[in-house]
Amino acid sequence: MGAFGLKIIAAWGLPAGIKYPYLTIWYAAGLPLIGIPMLLRGVRGGFKELRWGALYAVLSLGGQLAMSYALDYGVPGSVVYPVAVGGSILVVALAGTLLFW
């Protein structure tokens, strides 16, 4: 969904400065969306889960910003989105192969 929002920002010609508030709200919304169901079920996460979640958020945010900058510099969306999606799949496949082979 994060990439979808960036595409809307680019397609509607909204100012580039709006991407930071958008991404801040998007990633901040993840905490209550995960935290509230955990609280209701009485599930507690530990420091290990918090570290992994933070790492994933930082990496995801970096990918979203990279896509946004590519769109800002005029790279067509028809190039940016397939590269981003394909790159994500490639990274996961390589990591899985290297870690579990």
PDB file of N, CA and C in Angstrom:
ATOM      1  N   MET A   1       0.805  -1.200   0.000  1.00  0.00           N
ATOM      2  CA  MET A   1       0.000   0.000   0.000  1.00  0.00           C
ATOM      3  C   MET A   1       0.847   1.262   0.000  1.00  0.00           C
ATOM      4  N   GLY A   2       2.048   1.189   0.566  1.00  0.00           N
ATOM      5  CA  GLY A   2       2.908   2.367   0.599  1.00  0.00           C
ATOM      6  C   GLY A   2       3.252   2.850  -0.793  1.00  0.00           C
ATOM      7  N   ALA A   3       3.562   1.926  -1.678  1.00  0.00           N
ATOM      8  CA  ALA A   3       3.903   2.287  -3.054  1.00  0.00           C
ATOM      9  C   ALA A   3       2.703   2.879  -3.777  1.00  0.00           C
ATOM     10  N   PHE A   4       1.511   2.380  -3.468  1.00  0.00           N
ATOM     11  CA  PHE A   4       0.298   2.910  -4.084  1.00  0.00           C
ATOM     12  C   PHE A   4       0.131   4.391  -3.760  1.00  0.00           C
ATOM     13  N   GLY A   5       0.345   4.746  -2.505  1.00  0.00           N
ATOM     14  CA  GLY A   5       0.222   6.146  -2.097  1.00  0.00           C
ATOM     15  C   GLY A   5       1.234   7.038  -2.785  1.00  0.00           C
ATOM     16  N   LEU A   6       2.462   6.539  -2.946  1.00  0.00           N
ATOM     17  CA  LEU A   6       3.478   7.327  -3.647  1.00  0.00           C
ATOM     18  C   LEU A   6       3.101   7.527  -5.113  1.00  0.00           C
ATOM     19  N   LYS A   7       2.481   6.518  -5.693  1.00  0.00           N
ATOM     20  CA  LYS A   7       2.047   6.659  -7.081  1.00  0.00           C
ATOM     21  C   LYS A   7       0.950   7.719  -7.191  1.00  0.00           C
ATOM     22  N   ILE A   8       0.045   7.761  -6.238  1.00  0.00           N
ATOM     23  CA  ILE A   8      -1.007   8.780  -6.227  1.00  0.00           C
ATOM     24  C   ILE A   8      -0.389  10.166  -6.111  1.00  0.00           C
ATOM     25  N   ILE A   9       0.583  10.317  -5.204  1.00  0.00           N
ATOM     26  CA  ILE A   9       1.247  11.612  -5.022  1.00  0.00           C
ATOM     27  C   ILE A   9       1.886  12.059  -6.333  1.00  0.00           C
ATOM     28  N   ALA A  10       2.580  11.140  -7.012  1.00  0.00           N
ATOM     29  CA  ALA A  10       3.250  11.487  -8.275  1.00  0.00           C
ATOM     30  C   ALA A  10       2.238  11.750  -9.389  1.00  0.00           C
ATOM     31  N   ALA A  11       1.210  10.915  -9.498  1.00  0.00           N
ATOM     32  CA  ALA A  11       0.245  11.039 -10.588  1.00  0.00           C
ATOM     33  C   ALA A  11      -0.588  12.312 -10.475  1.00  0.00           C
ATOM     34  N   TRP A  12      -0.920  12.717  -9.281  1.00  0.00           N
ATOM     35  CA  TRP A  12      -1.724  13.915  -9.090  1.00  0.00           C
ATOM     36  C   TRP A  12      -0.891  15.179  -9.100  1.00  0.00           C
ATOM     37  N   GLY A  13       0.419  15.043  -9.199  1.00  0.00           N
ATOM     38  CA  GLY A  13       1.287  16.211  -9.240  1.00  0.00           C
ATOM     39  C   GLY A  13       1.342  16.962  -7.920  1.00  0.00           C
ATOM     40  N   LEU A  14       1.134  16.249  -6.822  1.00  0.00           N
ATOM     41  CA  LEU A  14       1.204  16.888  -5.510  1.00  0.00           C
ATOM     42  C   LEU A  14       2.652  17.271  -5.196  1.00  0.00           C
ATOM     43  N   PRO A  15       2.862  18.254  -4.341  1.00  0.00           N
ATOM     44  CA  PRO A  15       4.230  18.675  -4.033  1.00  0.00           C
ATOM     45  C   PRO A  15       5.052  17.538  -3.428  1.00  0.00           C
ATOM     46  N   ALA A  16       6.330  17.513  -3.763  1.00  0.00           N
ATOM     47  CA  ALA A  16       7.212  16.439  -3.291  1.00  0.00           C
ATOM     48  C   ALA A  16       7.311  16.432  -1.769  1.00  0.00           C
ATOM     49  N   GLY A  17       7.141  17.578  -1.126  1.00  0.00           N
ATOM     50  CA  GLY A  17       7.245  17.655   0.326  1.00  0.00           C
ATOM     51  C   GLY A  17       6.158  16.903   1.065  1.00  0.00           C
ATOM     52  N   ILE A  18       5.097  16.507   0.385  1.00  0.00           N
ATOM     53  CA  ILE A  18       3.999  15.801   1.050  1.00  0.00           C
ATOM     54  C   ILE A  18       4.352  14.333   1.296  1.00  0.00           C
ATOM     55  N   LYS A  19       5.390  13.829   0.619  1.00  0.00           N
ATOM     56  CA  LYS A  19       5.729  12.412   0.785  1.00  0.00           C
ATOM     57  C   LYS A  19       6.196  12.107   2.205  1.00  0.00           C
ATOM     58  N   TYR A  20       6.860  13.047   2.879  1.00  0.00           N
ATOM     59  CA  TYR A  20       7.337  12.788   4.233  1.00  0.00           C
ATOM     60  C   TYR A  20       6.194  12.677   5.237  1.00  0.00           C
ATOM     61  N   PRO A  21       5.229  13.606   5.236  1.00  0.00           N
ATOM     62  CA  PRO A  21       4.081  13.401   6.137  1.00  0.00           C
ATOM     63  C   PRO A  21       3.306  12.129   5.798  1.00  0.00           C
ATOM     64  N   TYR A  22       3.154  11.843   4.513  1.00  0.00           N
ATOM     65  CA  TYR A  22       2.439  10.634   4.104  1.00  0.00           C
ATOM     66  C   TYR A  22       3.132   9.393   4.655  1.00  0.00           C
ATOM     67  N   LEU A  23       4.444   9.285   4.438  1.00  0.00           N
ATOM     68  CA  LEU A  23       5.172   8.110   4.907  1.00  0.00           C
ATOM     69  C   LEU A  23       5.215   8.040   6.428  1.00  0.00           C
ATOM     70  N   THR A  24       5.296   9.180   7.092  1.00  0.00           N
ATOM     71  CA  THR A  24       5.302   9.197   8.562  1.00  0.00           C
ATOM     72  C   THR A  24       3.990   8.637   9.096  1.00  0.00           C
ATOM     73  N   ILE A  25       2.878   9.106   8.557  1.00  0.00           N
ATOM     74  CA  ILE A  25       1.573   8.616   9.001  1.00  0.00           C
ATOM     75  C   ILE A  25       1.413   7.143   8.667  1.00  0.00           C
ATOM     76  N   TRP A  26       1.857   6.758   7.477  1.00  0.00           N
ATOM     77  CA  TRP A  26       1.710   5.369   7.033  1.00  0.00           C
ATOM     78  C   TRP A  26       2.452   4.406   7.955  1.00  0.00           C
ATOM     79  N   TYR A  27       3.710   4.736   8.259  1.00  0.00           N
ATOM     80  CA  TYR A  27       4.491   3.836   9.106  1.00  0.00           C
ATOM     81  C   TYR A  27       4.086   3.943  10.571  1.00  0.00           C
ATOM     82  N   ALA A  28       3.683   5.110  11.039  1.00  0.00           N
ATOM     83  CA  ALA A  28       3.223   5.257  12.423  1.00  0.00           C
ATOM     84  C   ALA A  28       1.922   4.495  12.645  1.00  0.00           C
ATOM     85  N   ALA A  29       1.096   4.395  11.623  1.00  0.00           N
ATOM     86  CA  ALA A  29      -0.172   3.671  11.750  1.00  0.00           C
ATOM     87  C   ALA A  29       0.051   2.180  11.974  1.00  0.00           C
ATOM     88  N   GLY A  30       1.186   1.668  11.594  1.00  0.00           N
ATOM     89  CA  GLY A  30       1.467   0.249  11.782  1.00  0.00           C
ATOM     90  C   GLY A  30       1.532  -0.160  13.235  1.00  0.00           C
ATOM     91  N   LEU A  31       2.024   0.731  14.093  1.00  0.00           N
ATOM     92  CA  LEU A  31       2.147   0.376  15.508  1.00  0.00           C
ATOM     93  C   LEU A  31       0.791   0.086  16.157  1.00  0.00           C
ATOM     94  N   PRO A  32      -0.203   0.973  16.057  1.00  0.00           N
ATOM     95  CA  PRO A  32      -1.491   0.608  16.675  1.00  0.00           C
ATOM     96  C   PRO A  32      -2.200  -0.534  15.937  1.00  0.00           C
ATOM     97  N   LEU A  33      -1.983  -0.659  14.635  1.00  0.00           N
ATOM     98  CA  LEU A  33      -2.637  -1.748  13.902  1.00  0.00           C
ATOM     99  C   LEU A  33      -2.126  -3.114  14.351  1.00  0.00           C
ATOM    100  N   ILE A  34      -0.887  -3.168  14.807  1.00  0.00           N
ATOM    101  CA  ILE A  34      -0.348  -4.419  15.336  1.00  0.00           C
ATOM    102  C   ILE A  34      -0.490  -4.464  16.858  1.00  0.00           C
ATOM    103  N   GLY A  35      -0.237  -3.318  17.507  1.00  0.00           N
ATOM    104  CA  GLY A  35      -0.221  -3.274  18.964  1.00  0.00           C
ATOM    105  C   GLY A  35      -1.565  -3.516  19.618  1.00  0.00           C
ATOM    106  N   ILE A  36      -2.622  -2.946  19.081  1.00  0.00           N
ATOM    107  CA  ILE A  36      -3.941  -3.102  19.702  1.00  0.00           C
ATOM    108  C   ILE A  36      -4.410  -4.563  19.699  1.00  0.00           C
ATOM    109  N   PRO A  37      -4.351  -5.276  18.564  1.00  0.00           N
ATOM    110  CA  PRO A  37      -4.738  -6.696  18.623  1.00  0.00           C
ATOM    111  C   PRO A  37      -3.854  -7.517  19.573  1.00  0.00           C
ATOM    112  N   MET A  38      -2.572  -7.161  19.639  1.00  0.00           N
ATOM    113  CA  MET A  38      -1.696  -7.876  20.580  1.00  0.00           C
ATOM    114  C   MET A  38      -2.136  -7.639  22.019  1.00  0.00           C
ATOM    115  N   LEU A  39      -2.462  -6.384  22.345  1.00  0.00           N
ATOM    116  CA  LEU A  39      -2.929  -6.077  23.696  1.00  0.00           C
ATOM    117  C   LEU A  39      -4.230  -6.797  24.019  1.00  0.00           C
ATOM    118  N   LEU A  40      -5.149  -6.814  23.059  1.00  0.00           N
ATOM    119  CA  LEU A  40      -6.441  -7.464  23.288  1.00  0.00           C
ATOM    120  C   LEU A  40      -6.298  -8.963  23.508  1.00  0.00           C
ATOM    121  N   ARG A  41      -5.318  -9.563  22.887  1.00  0.00           N
ATOM    122  CA  ARG A  41      -5.100 -11.008  23.041  1.00  0.00           C
ATOM    123  C   ARG A  41      -4.133 -11.340  24.172  1.00  0.00           C
ATOM    124  N   GLY A  42      -3.560 -10.322  24.790  1.00  0.00           N
ATOM    125  CA  GLY A  42      -2.627 -10.551  25.885  1.00  0.00           C
ATOM    126  C   GLY A  42      -1.262 -11.044  25.428  1.00  0.00           C
ATOM    127  N   VAL A  43      -0.912 -10.760  24.194  1.00  0.00           N
ATOM    128  CA  VAL A  43       0.378 -11.187  23.651  1.00  0.00           C
ATOM    129  C   VAL A  43       1.393 -10.079  23.875  1.00  0.00           C
ATOM    130  N   ARG A  44       2.547 -10.455  24.376  1.00  0.00           N
ATOM    131  CA  ARG A  44       3.609  -9.472  24.590  1.00  0.00           C
ATOM    132  C   ARG A  44       4.787  -9.816  23.683  1.00  0.00           C
ATOM    133  N   GLY A  45       5.307  -8.804  23.056  1.00  0.00           N
ATOM    134  CA  GLY A  45       6.505  -8.982  22.256  1.00  0.00           C
ATOM    135  C   GLY A  45       7.718  -8.625  23.090  1.00  0.00           C
ATOM    136  N   GLY A  46       8.828  -9.153  22.704  1.00  0.00           N
ATOM    137  CA  GLY A  46      10.063  -8.872  23.416  1.00  0.00           C
ATOM    138  C   GLY A  46      10.935  -7.895  22.647  1.00  0.00           C
ATOM    139  N   PHE A  47      12.115  -7.686  23.183  1.00  0.00           N
ATOM    140  CA  PHE A  47      13.064  -6.769  22.559  1.00  0.00           C
ATOM    141  C   PHE A  47      13.502  -7.283  21.188  1.00  0.00           C
ATOM    142  N   LYS A  48      13.619  -8.581  21.049  1.00  0.00           N
ATOM    143  CA  LYS A  48      14.017  -9.178  19.771  1.00  0.00           C
ATOM    144  C   LYS A  48      12.993  -8.839  18.680  1.00  0.00           C
ATOM    145  N   GLU A  49      11.725  -8.981  18.974  1.00  0.00           N
ATOM    146  CA  GLU A  49      10.683  -8.665  18.005  1.00  0.00           C
ATOM    147  C   GLU A  49      10.672  -7.180  17.662  1.00  0.00           C
ATOM    148  N   LEU A  50      10.902  -6.349  18.667  1.00  0.00           N
ATOM    149  CA  LEU A  50      10.953  -4.911  18.443  1.00  0.00           C
ATOM    150  C   LEU A  50      12.110  -4.542  17.513  1.00  0.00           C
ATOM    151  N   ARG A  51      13.265  -5.156  17.733  1.00  0.00           N
ATOM    152  CA  ARG A  51      14.425  -4.887  16.862  1.00  0.00           C
ATOM    153  C   ARG A  51      14.148  -5.316  15.432  1.00  0.00           C
ATOM    154  N   TRP A  52      13.591  -6.512  15.240  1.00  0.00           N
ATOM    155  CA  TRP A  52      13.303  -6.977  13.883  1.00  0.00           C
ATOM    156  C   TRP A  52      12.259  -6.089  13.217  1.00  0.00           C
ATOM    157  N   GLY A  53      11.233  -5.718  13.945  1.00  0.00           N
ATOM    158  CA  GLY A  53      10.204  -4.837  13.397  1.00  0.00           C
ATOM    159  C   GLY A  53      10.777  -3.485  12.992  1.00  0.00           C
ATOM    160  N   ALA A  54      11.646  -2.937  13.833  1.00  0.00           N
ATOM    161  CA  ALA A  54      12.277  -1.653  13.512  1.00  0.00           C
ATOM    162  C   ALA A  54      13.175  -1.778  12.286  1.00  0.00           C
ATOM    163  N   LEU A  55      13.911  -2.877  12.188  1.00  0.00           N
ATOM    164  CA  LEU A  55      14.767  -3.090  11.021  1.00  0.00           C
ATOM    165  C   LEU A  55      13.943  -3.167   9.745  1.00  0.00           C
ATOM    166  N   TYR A  56      12.852  -3.934   9.784  1.00  0.00           N
ATOM    167  CA  TYR A  56      11.985  -4.038   8.608  1.00  0.00           C
ATOM    168  C   TYR A  56      11.377  -2.692   8.236  1.00  0.00           C
ATOM    169  N   ALA A  57      10.983  -1.919   9.232  1.00  0.00           N
ATOM    170  CA  ALA A  57      10.400  -0.603   8.960  1.00  0.00           C
ATOM    171  C   ALA A  57      11.419   0.323   8.313  1.00  0.00           C
ATOM    172  N   VAL A  58      12.638   0.327   8.818  1.00  0.00           N
ATOM    173  CA  VAL A  58      13.683   1.195   8.253  1.00  0.00           C
ATOM    174  C   VAL A  58      14.000   0.785   6.815  1.00  0.00           C
ATOM    175  N   LEU A  59      14.119  -0.514   6.569  1.00  0.00           N
ATOM    176  CA  LEU A  59      14.409  -0.981   5.208  1.00  0.00           C
ATOM    177  C   LEU A  59      13.252  -0.668   4.261  1.00  0.00           C
ATOM    178  N   SER A  60      12.034  -0.864   4.727  1.00  0.00           N
ATOM    179  CA  SER A  60      10.869  -0.557   3.908  1.00  0.00           C
ATOM    180  C   SER A  60      10.785   0.933   3.618  1.00  0.00           C
ATOM    181  N   LEU A  61      11.021   1.742   4.635  1.00  0.00           N
ATOM    182  CA  LEU A  61      11.012   3.189   4.444  1.00  0.00           C
ATOM    183  C   LEU A  61      12.074   3.616   3.444  1.00  0.00           C
ATOM    184  N   GLY A  62      13.255   3.016   3.534  1.00  0.00           N
ATOM    185  CA  GLY A  62      14.313   3.322   2.565  1.00  0.00           C
ATOM    186  C   GLY A  62      13.895   2.989   1.143  1.00  0.00           C
ATOM    187  N   GLY A  63      13.223   1.867   0.970  1.00  0.00           N
ATOM    188  CA  GLY A  63      12.740   1.498  -0.357  1.00  0.00           C
ATOM    189  C   GLY A  63      11.687   2.465  -0.869  1.00  0.00           C
ATOM    190  N   GLN A  64      10.777   2.870   0.010  1.00  0.00           N
ATOM    191  CA  GLN A  64       9.747   3.830  -0.392  1.00  0.00           C
ATOM    192  C   GLN A  64      10.365   5.174  -0.773  1.00  0.00           C
ATOM    193  N   LEU A  65      11.345   5.633   0.008  1.00  0.00           N
ATOM    194  CA  LEU A  65      12.004   6.903  -0.319  1.00  0.00           C
ATOM    195  C   LEU A  65      12.775   6.804  -1.630  1.00  0.00           C
ATOM    196  N   ALA A  66      13.429   5.673  -1.873  1.00  0.00           N
ATOM    197  CA  ALA A  66      14.152   5.486  -3.132  1.00  0.00           C
ATOM    198  C   ALA A  66      13.192   5.549  -4.315  1.00  0.00           C
ATOM    199  N   MET A  67      12.029   4.909  -4.175  1.00  0.00           N
ATOM    200  CA  MET A  67      11.033   4.976  -5.244  1.00  0.00           C
ATOM    201  C   MET A  67      10.548   6.402  -5.437  1.00  0.00           C
ATOM    202  N   SER A  68      10.328   7.099  -4.343  1.00  0.00           N
ATOM    203  CA  SER A  68       9.856   8.475  -4.421  1.00  0.00           C
ATOM    204  C   SER A  68      10.876   9.382  -5.110  1.00  0.00           C
ATOM    205  N   TYR A  69      12.140   9.222  -4.747  1.00  0.00           N
ATOM    206  CA  TYR A  69      13.179  10.034  -5.381  1.00  0.00           C
ATOM    207  C   TYR A  69      13.293   9.728  -6.870  1.00  0.00           C
ATOM    208  N   ALA A  70      13.161   8.463  -7.236  1.00  0.00           N
ATOM    209  CA  ALA A  70      13.209   8.105  -8.655  1.00  0.00           C
ATOM    210  C   ALA A  70      12.069   8.787  -9.412  1.00  0.00           C
ATOM    211  N   LEU A  71      10.884   8.784  -8.836  1.00  0.00           N
ATOM    212  CA  LEU A  71       9.751   9.462  -9.471  1.00  0.00           C
ATOM    213  C   LEU A  71       9.977  10.969  -9.532  1.00  0.00           C
ATOM    214  N   ASP A  72      10.557  11.543  -8.460  1.00  0.00           N
ATOM    215  CA  ASP A  72      10.843  12.991  -8.436  1.00  0.00           C
ATOM    216  C   ASP A  72      11.837  13.382  -9.530  1.00  0.00           C
ATOM    217  N   TYR A  73      12.781  12.495  -9.822  1.00  0.00           N
ATOM    218  CA  TYR A  73      13.796  12.795 -10.836  1.00  0.00           C
ATOM    219  C   TYR A  73      13.343  12.467 -12.242  1.00  0.00           C
ATOM    220  N   GLY A  74      12.081  12.096 -12.402  1.00  0.00           N
ATOM    221  CA  GLY A  74      11.522  11.925 -13.732  1.00  0.00           C
ATOM    222  C   GLY A  74      11.584  10.532 -14.309  1.00  0.00           C
ATOM    223  N   VAL A  75      11.993   9.548 -13.520  1.00  0.00           N
ATOM    224  CA  VAL A  75      11.978   8.167 -14.015  1.00  0.00           C
ATOM    225  C   VAL A  75      10.516   7.746 -14.126  1.00  0.00           C
ATOM    226  N   PRO A  76      10.105   7.237 -15.271  1.00  0.00           N
ATOM    227  CA  PRO A  76       8.695   6.874 -15.444  1.00  0.00           C
ATOM    228  C   PRO A  76       8.248   5.800 -14.457  1.00  0.00           C
ATOM    229  N   GLY A  77       7.013   5.925 -14.001  1.00  0.00           N
ATOM    230  CA  GLY A  77       6.454   4.933 -13.087  1.00  0.00           C
ATOM    231  C   GLY A  77       6.449   3.537 -13.675  1.00  0.00           C
ATOM    232  N   SER A  78       6.351   3.439 -15.010  1.00  0.00           N
ATOM    233  CA  SER A  78       6.365   2.127 -15.658  1.00  0.00           C
ATOM    234  C   SER A  78       7.711   1.435 -15.515  1.00  0.00           C
ATOM    235  N   VAL A  79       8.742   2.187 -15.136  1.00  0.00           N
ATOM    236  CA  VAL A  79      10.062   1.609 -14.874  1.00  0.00           C
ATOM    237  C   VAL A  79      10.265   1.427 -13.371  1.00  0.00           C
ATOM    238  N   VAL A  80       9.867   2.432 -12.597  1.00  0.00           N
ATOM    239  CA  VAL A  80      10.124   2.431 -11.151  1.00  0.00           C
ATOM    240  C   VAL A  80       9.432   1.263 -10.454  1.00  0.00           C
ATOM    241  N   TYR A  81       8.161   1.062 -10.692  1.00  0.00           N
ATOM    242  CA  TYR A  81       7.408   0.061  -9.943  1.00  0.00           C
ATOM    243  C   TYR A  81       7.815  -1.368 -10.270  1.00  0.00           C
ATOM    244  N   PRO A  82       8.001  -1.746 -11.532  1.00  0.00           N
ATOM    245  CA  PRO A  82       8.476  -3.114 -11.779  1.00  0.00           C
ATOM    246  C   PRO A  82       9.864  -3.383 -11.200  1.00  0.00           C
ATOM    247  N   VAL A  83      10.741  -2.383 -11.249  1.00  0.00           N
ATOM    248  CA  VAL A  83      12.080  -2.567 -10.673  1.00  0.00           C
ATOM    249  C   VAL A  83      11.976  -2.727  -9.158  1.00  0.00           C
ATOM    250  N   ALA A  84      11.136  -1.919  -8.523  1.00  0.00           N
ATOM    251  CA  ALA A  84      10.983  -2.007  -7.067  1.00  0.00           C
ATOM    252  C   ALA A  84      10.400  -3.351  -6.656  1.00  0.00           C
ATOM    253  N   VAL A  85       9.362  -3.794  -7.340  1.00  0.00           N
ATOM    254  CA  VAL A  85       8.734  -5.067  -6.993  1.00  0.00           C
ATOM    255  C   VAL A  85       9.683  -6.223  -7.306  1.00  0.00           C
ATOM    256  N   GLY A  86      10.286  -6.194  -8.467  1.00  0.00           N
ATOM    257  CA  GLY A  86      11.238  -7.245  -8.831  1.00  0.00           C
ATOM    258  C   GLY A  86      12.447  -7.257  -7.922  1.00  0.00           C
ATOM    259  N   GLY A  87      12.912  -6.075  -7.544  1.00  0.00           N
ATOM    260  CA  GLY A  87      14.059  -5.989  -6.642  1.00  0.00           C
ATOM    261  C   GLY A  87      13.741  -6.577  -5.280  1.00  0.00           C
ATOM    262  N   SER A  88      12.543  -6.321  -4.785  1.00  0.00           N
ATOM    263  CA  SER A  88      12.136  -6.886  -3.493  1.00  0.00           C
ATOM    264  C   SER A  88      12.100  -8.405  -3.545  1.00  0.00           C
ATOM    265  N   ILE A  89      11.539  -8.933  -4.607  1.00  0.00           N
ATOM    266  CA  ILE A  89      11.464 -10.391  -4.755  1.00  0.00           C
ATOM    267  C   ILE A  89      12.863 -10.977  -4.862  1.00  0.00           C
ATOM    268  N   LEU A  90      13.737 -10.315  -5.608  1.00  0.00           N
ATOM    269  CA  LEU A  90      15.111 -10.796  -5.758  1.00  0.00           C
ATOM    270  C   LEU A  90      15.843 -10.803  -4.427  1.00  0.00           C
ATOM    271  N   VAL A  91      15.705  -9.736  -3.642  1.00  0.00           N
ATOM    272  CA  VAL A  91      16.387  -9.658  -2.348  1.00  0.00           C
ATOM    273  C   VAL A  91      15.895 -10.761  -1.409  1.00  0.00           C
ATOM    274  N   VAL A  92      14.594 -10.976  -1.367  1.00  0.00           N
ATOM    275  CA  VAL A  92      14.041 -12.030  -0.500  1.00  0.00           C
ATOM    276  C   VAL A  92      14.523 -13.410  -0.965  1.00  0.00           C
ATOM    277  N   ALA A  93      14.527 -13.644  -2.262  1.00  0.00           N
ATOM    278  CA  ALA A  93      14.980 -14.941  -2.784  1.00  0.00           C
ATOM    279  C   ALA A  93      16.469 -15.159  -2.483  1.00  0.00           C
ATOM    280  N   LEU A  94      17.277 -14.128  -2.675  1.00  0.00           N
ATOM    281  CA  LEU A  94      18.717 -14.272  -2.379  1.00  0.00           C
ATOM    282  C   LEU A  94      18.955 -14.483  -0.890  1.00  0.00           C
ATOM    283  N   ALA A  95      18.271 -13.731  -0.052  1.00  0.00           N
ATOM    284  CA  ALA A  95      18.443 -13.870   1.388  1.00  0.00           C
ATOM    285  C   ALA A  95      18.012 -15.274   1.835  1.00  0.00           C
ATOM    286  N   GLY A  96      16.900 -15.747   1.316  1.00  0.00           N
ATOM    287  CA  GLY A  96      16.442 -17.081   1.659  1.00  0.00           C
ATOM    288  C   GLY A  96      17.433 -18.151   1.221  1.00  0.00           C
ATOM    289  N   THR A  97      17.986 -17.976   0.043  1.00  0.00           N
ATOM    290  CA  THR A  97      18.953 -18.943  -0.462  1.00  0.00           C
ATOM    291  C   THR A  97      20.231 -18.920   0.389  1.00  0.00           C
ATOM    292  N   LEU A  98      20.706 -17.746   0.691  1.00  0.00           N
ATOM    293  CA  LEU A  98      21.947 -17.630   1.462  1.00  0.00           C
ATOM    294  C   LEU A  98      21.770 -18.083   2.912  1.00  0.00           C
ATOM    295  N   LEU A  99      20.636 -17.789   3.509  1.00  0.00           N
ATOM    296  CA  LEU A  99      20.431 -18.126   4.917  1.00  0.00           C
ATOM    297  C   LEU A  99      19.991 -19.560   5.147  1.00  0.00           C
ATOM    298  N   PHE A 100      19.252 -20.144   4.200  1.00  0.00           N
ATOM    299  CA  PHE A 100      18.665 -21.452   4.439  1.00  0.00           C
ATOM    300  C   PHE A 100      19.176 -22.554   3.518  1.00  0.00           C
ATOM    301  N   TRP A 101      20.226 -22.304   2.801  1.00  0.00           N
ATOM    302  CA  TRP A 101      20.736 -23.333   1.898  1.00  0.00           C
ATOM    303  C   TRP A 101      21.753 -24.173   2.568  1.00  0.00           C
TER     304      TRP A 101
END
